[in-house]
Amino acid sequence: MVKHCIRRGLSLNNCGGSSNDKTAEVVRGETSSFTCTLDSTHTLQWRINTNPGQSAAMCPPPNNDDSCINKVYQPFFTPRRTETTRSVMTVDPTKANLLTDVESGTLVCRDIDNSQQDSCPMDYITRASGTCSSRVDTDTNPWTVKGDCNITQGNSSRGRYMCQWFRKTEGISSGVYTGTDYSSA
């Protein structure tokens, strides 16, 4: 599914899941692509805004396979002008020596001829891995359910994800537990 937010003739696709969380997730070890669509044939500028922001590339309308110039961050950020009204920025964290730009930066596509732009903050994600187990103790009255999880490596550079335990009784959530040791009657 393509997710996007349109801003007066220019849109940056594949950022976030909703209009209020328009974050570009870059997953450790995986290549991510973001598409900027214009309603014109103007020159497009890709920017990586950190402190200070820097132009990552200028992409005039294509006259060959790849018309982007001044590719500052390649091969980590690789821009291509794929069509007259479309440009793609590929982010490859496996070739990273600039992870700080992903961890705290904002990806911007800008139509330099009329100053329209769209952007989304980048979040460098390390997928969580680990193991969980649960057991039912029928020797107590009422029965008790105990569980353990050992989660490793999970991380979001913007702190957008966390682990939580949910208590469900007959299919209804009755609490969220975020500490490390829980007991309830």
N, C-alpha and C. Protein backbone atom coordinates (compact mmCIF):
# COMPACT_ATOMS: atom_id res chain seq x y z
N MET A 1 0.84 -1.17 0.00
CA MET A 1 0.00 0.00 0.00
C MET A 1 0.89 1.24 0.00
N VAL A 2 0.61 2.19 -0.87
CA VAL A 2 1.35 3.45 -0.93
C VAL A 2 0.65 4.44 -0.02
N LYS A 3 1.42 5.05 0.87
CA LYS A 3 0.89 6.03 1.79
C LYS A 3 1.45 7.38 1.39
N HIS A 4 0.61 8.40 1.32
CA HIS A 4 1.14 9.70 0.94
C HIS A 4 0.25 10.83 1.42
N CYS A 5 0.81 11.99 1.38
CA CYS A 5 0.10 13.21 1.73
C CYS A 5 0.35 14.20 0.60
N ILE A 6 -0.68 14.72 0.01
CA ILE A 6 -0.53 15.62 -1.14
C ILE A 6 -0.54 17.06 -0.67
N ARG A 7 0.41 17.83 -1.16
CA ARG A 7 0.50 19.24 -0.82
C ARG A 7 0.57 20.06 -2.10
N ARG A 8 -0.57 20.53 -2.57
CA ARG A 8 -0.66 21.42 -3.72
C ARG A 8 0.25 21.05 -4.88
N GLY A 9 0.06 19.87 -5.42
CA GLY A 9 0.78 19.51 -6.62
C GLY A 9 2.08 18.79 -6.40
N LEU A 10 2.48 18.52 -5.17
CA LEU A 10 3.71 17.81 -4.90
C LEU A 10 3.45 16.86 -3.73
N SER A 11 3.93 15.63 -3.83
CA SER A 11 3.72 14.69 -2.72
C SER A 11 4.94 13.81 -2.54
N LEU A 12 5.20 13.45 -1.29
CA LEU A 12 6.27 12.54 -0.93
C LEU A 12 5.60 11.28 -0.41
N ASN A 13 5.79 10.16 -1.13
CA ASN A 13 5.10 8.92 -0.81
C ASN A 13 5.95 7.99 0.06
N ASN A 14 5.28 7.05 0.71
CA ASN A 14 5.86 6.00 1.56
C ASN A 14 6.36 6.54 2.89
N CYS A 15 5.76 7.60 3.38
CA CYS A 15 6.11 8.14 4.69
C CYS A 15 4.96 7.88 5.65
N GLY A 16 5.21 7.07 6.66
CA GLY A 16 4.25 6.87 7.74
C GLY A 16 2.94 6.26 7.35
N GLY A 17 2.11 6.06 8.37
CA GLY A 17 0.86 5.36 8.18
C GLY A 17 -0.36 6.25 8.21
N SER A 18 -0.22 7.50 8.65
CA SER A 18 -1.38 8.37 8.72
C SER A 18 -0.92 9.81 8.56
N SER A 19 -1.87 10.70 8.39
CA SER A 19 -1.52 12.10 8.17
C SER A 19 -0.86 12.73 9.39
N ASN A 20 -1.11 12.19 10.60
CA ASN A 20 -0.48 12.77 11.78
C ASN A 20 0.78 12.02 12.20
N ASP A 21 1.15 10.96 11.49
CA ASP A 21 2.41 10.25 11.75
C ASP A 21 3.07 9.97 10.41
N LYS A 22 3.57 11.00 9.81
CA LYS A 22 4.16 10.90 8.48
C LYS A 22 5.67 10.74 8.61
N THR A 23 6.10 9.58 9.13
CA THR A 23 7.50 9.32 9.40
C THR A 23 8.06 8.32 8.41
N ALA A 24 9.22 8.62 7.86
CA ALA A 24 9.89 7.72 6.92
C ALA A 24 10.69 6.70 7.72
N GLU A 25 10.21 5.46 7.73
CA GLU A 25 10.90 4.42 8.46
C GLU A 25 11.98 3.79 7.59
N VAL A 26 13.21 3.83 8.09
CA VAL A 26 14.34 3.19 7.43
C VAL A 26 14.76 2.06 8.34
N VAL A 27 14.58 0.82 7.87
CA VAL A 27 14.82 -0.36 8.69
C VAL A 27 16.24 -0.85 8.49
N ARG A 28 16.91 -1.11 9.60
CA ARG A 28 18.28 -1.60 9.58
C ARG A 28 18.39 -2.82 8.67
N GLY A 29 19.36 -2.79 7.75
CA GLY A 29 19.61 -3.91 6.86
C GLY A 29 18.67 -4.00 5.66
N GLU A 30 17.72 -3.06 5.51
CA GLU A 30 16.77 -3.09 4.40
C GLU A 30 16.82 -1.78 3.62
N THR A 31 16.64 -1.88 2.32
CA THR A 31 16.60 -0.69 1.47
C THR A 31 15.18 -0.13 1.47
N SER A 32 15.06 1.18 1.57
CA SER A 32 13.75 1.85 1.55
C SER A 32 13.73 2.85 0.40
N SER A 33 12.59 2.98 -0.26
CA SER A 33 12.45 3.94 -1.35
C SER A 33 11.31 4.90 -1.07
N PHE A 34 11.55 6.16 -1.40
CA PHE A 34 10.56 7.22 -1.21
C PHE A 34 10.41 7.95 -2.53
N THR A 35 9.17 8.18 -2.94
CA THR A 35 8.87 8.76 -4.25
C THR A 35 8.30 10.15 -4.09
N CYS A 36 8.89 11.09 -4.81
CA CYS A 36 8.37 12.45 -4.85
C CYS A 36 7.69 12.65 -6.20
N THR A 37 6.43 13.06 -6.16
CA THR A 37 5.65 13.26 -7.38
C THR A 37 5.31 14.73 -7.52
N LEU A 38 5.60 15.29 -8.71
CA LEU A 38 5.29 16.69 -9.00
C LEU A 38 4.20 16.74 -10.05
N ASP A 39 3.49 17.85 -10.12
CA ASP A 39 2.52 18.03 -11.20
C ASP A 39 3.11 18.90 -12.31
N SER A 40 4.44 19.00 -12.33
CA SER A 40 5.10 19.82 -13.34
C SER A 40 6.40 19.14 -13.77
N THR A 41 7.09 19.75 -14.69
CA THR A 41 8.38 19.22 -15.13
C THR A 41 9.53 20.06 -14.60
N HIS A 42 9.33 20.68 -13.45
CA HIS A 42 10.35 21.52 -12.83
C HIS A 42 11.50 20.69 -12.26
N THR A 43 12.56 21.38 -11.86
CA THR A 43 13.69 20.73 -11.21
C THR A 43 13.32 20.42 -9.76
N LEU A 44 13.64 19.21 -9.35
CA LEU A 44 13.34 18.76 -8.00
C LEU A 44 14.63 18.71 -7.19
N GLN A 45 14.55 19.14 -5.95
CA GLN A 45 15.69 19.06 -5.05
C GLN A 45 15.35 18.11 -3.90
N TRP A 46 16.24 17.17 -3.64
CA TRP A 46 16.14 16.31 -2.46
C TRP A 46 17.03 16.93 -1.39
N ARG A 47 16.53 17.03 -0.17
CA ARG A 47 17.31 17.54 0.95
C ARG A 47 17.27 16.55 2.10
N ILE A 48 18.36 16.51 2.85
CA ILE A 48 18.41 15.78 4.10
C ILE A 48 18.60 16.85 5.16
N ASN A 49 17.54 17.17 5.88
CA ASN A 49 17.62 18.24 6.86
C ASN A 49 18.02 17.68 8.21
N THR A 50 19.22 18.01 8.61
CA THR A 50 19.68 17.77 9.97
C THR A 50 20.02 19.15 10.51
N ASN A 51 21.08 19.29 11.21
CA ASN A 51 21.45 20.61 11.68
C ASN A 51 22.87 20.90 11.24
N PRO A 52 23.15 21.60 10.18
CA PRO A 52 22.22 22.24 9.25
C PRO A 52 21.80 21.28 8.14
N GLY A 53 20.73 21.61 7.44
CA GLY A 53 20.27 20.79 6.32
C GLY A 53 21.18 20.93 5.13
N GLN A 54 21.22 19.91 4.31
CA GLN A 54 22.08 19.94 3.13
C GLN A 54 21.35 19.34 1.95
N SER A 55 21.60 19.90 0.78
CA SER A 55 21.04 19.35 -0.44
C SER A 55 21.68 17.99 -0.71
N ALA A 56 20.84 16.99 -0.95
CA ALA A 56 21.35 15.65 -1.27
C ALA A 56 21.49 15.47 -2.77
N ALA A 57 20.69 16.19 -3.57
CA ALA A 57 20.77 16.09 -5.02
C ALA A 57 19.83 17.09 -5.67
N MET A 58 20.14 17.43 -6.91
CA MET A 58 19.26 18.21 -7.76
C MET A 58 18.86 17.30 -8.91
N CYS A 59 17.57 17.25 -9.21
CA CYS A 59 17.08 16.35 -10.25
C CYS A 59 16.25 17.13 -11.27
N PRO A 60 16.89 17.64 -12.33
CA PRO A 60 16.13 18.29 -13.39
C PRO A 60 15.31 17.25 -14.15
N PRO A 61 14.37 17.69 -14.99
CA PRO A 61 13.61 16.72 -15.78
C PRO A 61 14.56 15.82 -16.57
N PRO A 62 14.22 14.55 -16.67
CA PRO A 62 15.17 13.60 -17.28
C PRO A 62 15.32 13.80 -18.79
N ASN A 63 16.56 13.63 -19.23
CA ASN A 63 16.82 13.57 -20.66
C ASN A 63 17.61 12.29 -20.97
N ASN A 64 17.83 11.50 -19.92
CA ASN A 64 18.44 10.18 -20.06
C ASN A 64 17.98 9.32 -18.89
N ASP A 65 18.66 8.23 -18.57
CA ASP A 65 18.21 7.33 -17.52
C ASP A 65 18.26 7.93 -16.12
N ASP A 66 19.19 8.83 -15.88
CA ASP A 66 19.34 9.39 -14.54
C ASP A 66 19.83 10.81 -14.67
N SER A 67 18.96 11.76 -14.37
CA SER A 67 19.33 13.15 -14.57
C SER A 67 19.68 13.87 -13.27
N CYS A 68 19.79 13.15 -12.15
CA CYS A 68 20.13 13.80 -10.89
C CYS A 68 21.62 14.13 -10.85
N ILE A 69 21.92 15.31 -10.31
CA ILE A 69 23.31 15.75 -10.21
C ILE A 69 23.61 16.16 -8.76
N ASN A 70 24.88 16.38 -8.46
CA ASN A 70 25.31 16.78 -7.12
C ASN A 70 24.82 15.81 -6.04
N LYS A 71 25.06 14.54 -6.26
CA LYS A 71 24.59 13.49 -5.35
C LYS A 71 25.55 13.39 -4.16
N VAL A 72 25.28 14.17 -3.15
CA VAL A 72 26.20 14.34 -2.02
C VAL A 72 26.35 13.07 -1.19
N TYR A 73 25.27 12.36 -0.93
CA TYR A 73 25.29 11.25 0.03
C TYR A 73 25.35 9.86 -0.61
N GLN A 74 25.58 9.76 -1.88
CA GLN A 74 25.59 8.46 -2.55
C GLN A 74 26.77 7.62 -2.03
N PRO A 75 26.64 6.31 -1.80
CA PRO A 75 25.54 5.42 -2.15
C PRO A 75 24.51 5.25 -1.04
N PHE A 76 24.65 5.98 0.07
CA PHE A 76 23.70 5.84 1.17
C PHE A 76 22.32 6.36 0.78
N PHE A 77 22.26 7.56 0.20
CA PHE A 77 21.04 8.13 -0.36
C PHE A 77 21.27 8.20 -1.87
N THR A 78 20.46 7.46 -2.64
CA THR A 78 20.63 7.43 -4.10
C THR A 78 19.37 7.95 -4.78
N PRO A 79 19.42 9.16 -5.34
CA PRO A 79 18.26 9.73 -6.04
C PRO A 79 18.26 9.35 -7.52
N ARG A 80 17.06 9.22 -8.09
CA ARG A 80 16.89 9.00 -9.53
C ARG A 80 15.66 9.79 -9.97
N ARG A 81 15.75 10.42 -11.12
CA ARG A 81 14.57 11.05 -11.72
C ARG A 81 14.03 10.03 -12.70
N THR A 82 13.01 9.29 -12.30
CA THR A 82 12.52 8.15 -13.07
C THR A 82 11.55 8.55 -14.19
N GLU A 83 10.86 9.66 -14.02
CA GLU A 83 9.92 10.15 -15.02
C GLU A 83 9.92 11.67 -14.97
N THR A 84 9.25 12.28 -15.88
CA THR A 84 9.20 13.74 -15.93
C THR A 84 8.63 14.31 -14.64
N THR A 85 7.63 13.65 -14.06
CA THR A 85 6.97 14.16 -12.87
C THR A 85 7.23 13.30 -11.63
N ARG A 86 8.29 12.50 -11.64
CA ARG A 86 8.54 11.60 -10.51
C ARG A 86 10.04 11.41 -10.29
N SER A 87 10.42 11.39 -9.01
CA SER A 87 11.80 11.10 -8.62
C SER A 87 11.76 10.14 -7.43
N VAL A 88 12.72 9.24 -7.36
CA VAL A 88 12.78 8.25 -6.28
C VAL A 88 14.09 8.42 -5.52
N MET A 89 14.00 8.44 -4.19
CA MET A 89 15.17 8.46 -3.33
C MET A 89 15.24 7.10 -2.64
N THR A 90 16.34 6.38 -2.86
CA THR A 90 16.55 5.08 -2.22
C THR A 90 17.53 5.28 -1.07
N VAL A 91 17.16 4.79 0.10
CA VAL A 91 18.00 4.88 1.29
C VAL A 91 18.48 3.46 1.61
N ASP A 92 19.79 3.29 1.65
CA ASP A 92 20.37 1.97 1.91
C ASP A 92 21.27 2.05 3.14
N PRO A 93 20.73 1.69 4.32
CA PRO A 93 21.53 1.80 5.55
C PRO A 93 22.68 0.80 5.64
N THR A 94 22.73 -0.19 4.74
CA THR A 94 23.86 -1.13 4.76
C THR A 94 25.13 -0.46 4.25
N LYS A 95 24.99 0.66 3.56
CA LYS A 95 26.14 1.39 3.03
C LYS A 95 26.37 2.66 3.84
N ALA A 96 25.97 2.62 5.10
CA ALA A 96 25.92 3.83 5.90
C ALA A 96 27.24 4.20 6.54
N ASN A 97 27.58 5.42 6.38
CA ASN A 97 28.56 6.04 7.24
C ASN A 97 27.97 7.34 7.77
N LEU A 98 26.70 7.58 7.44
CA LEU A 98 26.00 8.79 7.84
C LEU A 98 24.70 8.47 8.56
N LEU A 99 24.71 7.47 9.45
CA LEU A 99 23.47 7.08 10.13
C LEU A 99 22.85 8.21 10.93
N THR A 100 23.64 9.15 11.39
CA THR A 100 23.10 10.28 12.15
C THR A 100 22.08 11.03 11.33
N ASP A 101 22.30 11.13 10.02
CA ASP A 101 21.35 11.84 9.16
C ASP A 101 20.00 11.14 9.10
N VAL A 102 20.00 9.81 9.20
CA VAL A 102 18.74 9.08 9.21
C VAL A 102 18.12 9.13 10.60
N GLU A 103 18.94 8.99 11.63
CA GLU A 103 18.41 8.91 12.99
C GLU A 103 17.72 10.20 13.42
N SER A 104 18.18 11.34 12.94
CA SER A 104 17.59 12.59 13.40
C SER A 104 17.21 13.53 12.26
N GLY A 105 17.34 13.08 11.03
CA GLY A 105 17.10 13.95 9.89
C GLY A 105 15.68 13.91 9.37
N THR A 106 15.41 14.80 8.43
CA THR A 106 14.12 14.88 7.75
C THR A 106 14.39 14.81 6.25
N LEU A 107 13.65 13.95 5.56
CA LEU A 107 13.75 13.82 4.11
C LEU A 107 12.80 14.83 3.47
N VAL A 108 13.32 15.64 2.55
CA VAL A 108 12.54 16.70 1.94
C VAL A 108 12.65 16.59 0.42
N CYS A 109 11.51 16.68 -0.28
CA CYS A 109 11.56 16.86 -1.73
C CYS A 109 10.94 18.24 -2.00
N ARG A 110 11.58 18.99 -2.91
CA ARG A 110 11.21 20.38 -3.12
C ARG A 110 11.24 20.72 -4.59
N ASP A 111 10.19 21.34 -5.07
CA ASP A 111 10.13 21.89 -6.42
C ASP A 111 10.79 23.26 -6.33
N ILE A 112 12.02 23.38 -6.84
CA ILE A 112 12.76 24.63 -6.63
C ILE A 112 12.23 25.79 -7.46
N ASP A 113 11.41 25.49 -8.48
CA ASP A 113 10.89 26.58 -9.31
C ASP A 113 9.72 27.31 -8.67
N ASN A 114 8.97 26.63 -7.80
CA ASN A 114 7.84 27.31 -7.16
C ASN A 114 7.82 27.13 -5.64
N SER A 115 8.90 26.60 -5.07
CA SER A 115 9.10 26.47 -3.61
C SER A 115 8.11 25.56 -2.90
N GLN A 116 7.37 24.74 -3.64
CA GLN A 116 6.53 23.74 -2.98
C GLN A 116 7.43 22.63 -2.46
N GLN A 117 7.09 22.10 -1.29
CA GLN A 117 7.88 21.00 -0.77
C GLN A 117 7.01 20.10 0.10
N ASP A 118 7.49 18.90 0.30
CA ASP A 118 6.86 17.94 1.20
C ASP A 118 8.00 17.26 1.95
N SER A 119 7.75 16.84 3.16
CA SER A 119 8.82 16.26 3.96
C SER A 119 8.28 15.26 4.96
N CYS A 120 9.18 14.45 5.47
CA CYS A 120 8.84 13.56 6.57
C CYS A 120 10.10 13.26 7.37
N PRO A 121 9.97 13.24 8.70
CA PRO A 121 11.12 12.90 9.53
C PRO A 121 11.50 11.44 9.33
N MET A 122 12.79 11.15 9.39
CA MET A 122 13.26 9.77 9.23
C MET A 122 13.44 9.12 10.60
N ASP A 123 13.11 7.85 10.68
CA ASP A 123 13.26 7.07 11.91
C ASP A 123 14.02 5.80 11.56
N TYR A 124 15.18 5.62 12.16
CA TYR A 124 16.01 4.44 11.91
C TYR A 124 15.54 3.34 12.86
N ILE A 125 15.01 2.26 12.28
CA ILE A 125 14.38 1.18 13.04
C ILE A 125 15.28 -0.05 13.04
N THR A 126 15.47 -0.63 14.22
CA THR A 126 16.05 -1.97 14.34
C THR A 126 14.92 -2.85 14.81
N ARG A 127 14.54 -3.81 13.99
CA ARG A 127 13.42 -4.68 14.34
C ARG A 127 13.74 -5.47 15.60
N ALA A 128 12.75 -5.60 16.46
CA ALA A 128 12.93 -6.36 17.69
C ALA A 128 13.00 -7.85 17.38
N SER A 129 13.81 -8.52 18.16
CA SER A 129 13.85 -9.98 18.08
C SER A 129 13.91 -10.50 19.50
N GLY A 130 13.52 -11.71 19.67
CA GLY A 130 13.53 -12.28 21.01
C GLY A 130 12.59 -13.46 21.11
N THR A 131 12.40 -13.90 22.32
CA THR A 131 11.52 -15.04 22.58
C THR A 131 10.57 -14.72 23.72
N CYS A 132 9.38 -15.30 23.66
CA CYS A 132 8.39 -15.15 24.72
C CYS A 132 7.81 -16.51 25.05
N SER A 133 7.42 -16.67 26.30
CA SER A 133 6.75 -17.90 26.71
C SER A 133 5.71 -17.54 27.75
N SER A 134 4.72 -18.40 27.88
CA SER A 134 3.70 -18.21 28.91
C SER A 134 3.32 -19.57 29.47
N ARG A 135 2.80 -19.55 30.68
CA ARG A 135 2.38 -20.79 31.31
C ARG A 135 1.18 -20.50 32.21
N VAL A 136 0.34 -21.50 32.38
CA VAL A 136 -0.85 -21.41 33.22
C VAL A 136 -0.60 -22.23 34.47
N ASP A 137 -0.81 -21.62 35.63
CA ASP A 137 -0.68 -22.34 36.91
C ASP A 137 -2.08 -22.65 37.41
N THR A 138 -2.48 -23.91 37.32
CA THR A 138 -3.82 -24.32 37.74
C THR A 138 -3.86 -24.74 39.21
N ASP A 139 -2.71 -24.68 39.88
CA ASP A 139 -2.67 -25.04 41.30
C ASP A 139 -3.12 -23.90 42.20
N THR A 140 -3.37 -22.74 41.64
CA THR A 140 -3.82 -21.60 42.42
C THR A 140 -5.29 -21.35 42.14
N ASN A 141 -5.95 -20.64 43.04
CA ASN A 141 -7.34 -20.29 42.85
C ASN A 141 -7.46 -18.79 43.01
N PRO A 142 -7.77 -17.99 42.02
CA PRO A 142 -8.01 -18.40 40.64
C PRO A 142 -6.72 -18.78 39.93
N TRP A 143 -6.87 -19.39 38.78
CA TRP A 143 -5.71 -19.75 37.99
C TRP A 143 -4.88 -18.51 37.72
N THR A 144 -3.59 -18.69 37.49
CA THR A 144 -2.73 -17.56 37.13
C THR A 144 -2.01 -17.88 35.83
N VAL A 145 -1.74 -16.84 35.10
CA VAL A 145 -0.98 -16.96 33.86
C VAL A 145 0.29 -16.14 34.05
N LYS A 146 1.41 -16.76 33.75
CA LYS A 146 2.69 -16.07 33.88
C LYS A 146 3.38 -16.08 32.52
N GLY A 147 4.11 -15.04 32.24
CA GLY A 147 4.80 -14.97 30.97
C GLY A 147 6.14 -14.30 31.10
N ASP A 148 7.02 -14.63 30.19
CA ASP A 148 8.36 -14.05 30.14
C ASP A 148 8.67 -13.68 28.70
N CYS A 149 9.32 -12.55 28.53
CA CYS A 149 9.81 -12.17 27.21
C CYS A 149 11.24 -11.67 27.35
N ASN A 150 12.06 -12.06 26.41
CA ASN A 150 13.43 -11.57 26.33
C ASN A 150 13.56 -10.91 24.96
N ILE A 151 13.44 -9.59 24.94
CA ILE A 151 13.47 -8.82 23.70
C ILE A 151 14.85 -8.21 23.56
N THR A 152 15.45 -8.37 22.40
CA THR A 152 16.77 -7.80 22.15
C THR A 152 16.74 -6.97 20.86
N GLN A 153 17.63 -6.02 20.78
CA GLN A 153 17.90 -5.24 19.58
C GLN A 153 16.80 -4.29 19.14
N GLY A 154 15.63 -4.32 19.69
CA GLY A 154 14.57 -3.43 19.24
C GLY A 154 14.90 -1.98 19.51
N ASN A 155 14.78 -1.13 18.47
CA ASN A 155 15.10 0.27 18.66
C ASN A 155 14.44 1.13 17.59
N SER A 156 14.07 2.33 17.98
CA SER A 156 13.59 3.36 17.07
C SER A 156 14.34 4.62 17.45
N SER A 157 15.03 5.24 16.48
CA SER A 157 15.85 6.41 16.80
C SER A 157 15.01 7.58 17.32
N ARG A 158 13.73 7.58 17.04
CA ARG A 158 12.84 8.63 17.53
C ARG A 158 11.97 8.17 18.70
N GLY A 159 12.25 6.97 19.21
CA GLY A 159 11.54 6.46 20.39
C GLY A 159 10.06 6.21 20.14
N ARG A 160 9.69 5.77 18.94
CA ARG A 160 8.29 5.60 18.58
C ARG A 160 7.72 4.23 18.94
N TYR A 161 8.54 3.28 19.36
CA TYR A 161 8.05 1.94 19.64
C TYR A 161 8.44 1.53 21.05
N MET A 162 7.63 0.66 21.67
CA MET A 162 7.91 0.14 23.00
C MET A 162 7.28 -1.24 23.14
N CYS A 163 7.70 -1.96 24.16
CA CYS A 163 7.10 -3.26 24.47
C CYS A 163 6.07 -3.07 25.57
N GLN A 164 4.95 -3.77 25.46
CA GLN A 164 3.92 -3.70 26.48
C GLN A 164 3.29 -5.07 26.67
N TRP A 165 2.88 -5.34 27.89
CA TRP A 165 2.06 -6.53 28.19
C TRP A 165 0.63 -6.06 28.33
N PHE A 166 -0.29 -6.82 27.79
CA PHE A 166 -1.71 -6.53 27.93
C PHE A 166 -2.36 -7.66 28.71
N ARG A 167 -3.22 -7.29 29.63
CA ARG A 167 -4.00 -8.29 30.36
C ARG A 167 -5.36 -8.37 29.70
N LYS A 168 -5.75 -9.56 29.30
CA LYS A 168 -7.05 -9.75 28.67
C LYS A 168 -7.86 -10.73 29.49
N THR A 169 -9.09 -10.38 29.72
CA THR A 169 -10.03 -11.26 30.41
C THR A 169 -11.20 -11.47 29.48
N GLU A 170 -11.40 -12.71 29.06
CA GLU A 170 -12.48 -13.05 28.13
C GLU A 170 -12.47 -12.14 26.92
N GLY A 171 -11.28 -11.91 26.37
CA GLY A 171 -11.13 -11.16 25.13
C GLY A 171 -11.15 -9.65 25.28
N ILE A 172 -11.28 -9.15 26.52
CA ILE A 172 -11.34 -7.71 26.73
C ILE A 172 -10.06 -7.25 27.42
N SER A 173 -9.37 -6.25 26.85
CA SER A 173 -8.16 -5.72 27.49
C SER A 173 -8.56 -5.00 28.76
N SER A 174 -7.85 -5.31 29.83
CA SER A 174 -8.18 -4.66 31.10
C SER A 174 -6.98 -3.95 31.70
N GLY A 175 -5.91 -3.83 30.96
CA GLY A 175 -4.78 -3.10 31.50
C GLY A 175 -3.56 -3.21 30.61
N VAL A 176 -2.69 -2.23 30.71
CA VAL A 176 -1.42 -2.22 30.00
C VAL A 176 -0.34 -2.21 31.06
N TYR A 177 0.62 -3.09 30.91
CA TYR A 177 1.70 -3.20 31.88
C TYR A 177 3.01 -2.94 31.16
N THR A 178 3.76 -1.98 31.64
CA THR A 178 5.00 -1.60 30.94
C THR A 178 6.25 -1.82 31.78
N GLY A 179 6.14 -2.31 33.00
CA GLY A 179 7.31 -2.57 33.83
C GLY A 179 7.90 -3.94 33.50
N THR A 180 8.64 -4.49 34.46
CA THR A 180 9.28 -5.78 34.20
C THR A 180 8.71 -6.91 35.03
N ASP A 181 7.94 -6.62 36.09
CA ASP A 181 7.40 -7.67 36.95
C ASP A 181 5.95 -7.32 37.27
N TYR A 182 5.03 -8.19 36.93
CA TYR A 182 3.62 -7.90 37.11
C TYR A 182 2.96 -8.99 37.91
N SER A 183 2.03 -8.59 38.74
CA SER A 183 1.17 -9.55 39.40
C SER A 183 -0.18 -8.89 39.58
N SER A 184 -1.20 -9.66 39.53
CA SER A 184 -2.55 -9.12 39.73
C SER A 184 -3.43 -10.23 40.27
N ALA A 185 -4.48 -9.85 40.97
CA ALA A 185 -5.40 -10.82 41.54
C ALA A 185 -6.57 -11.04 40.62
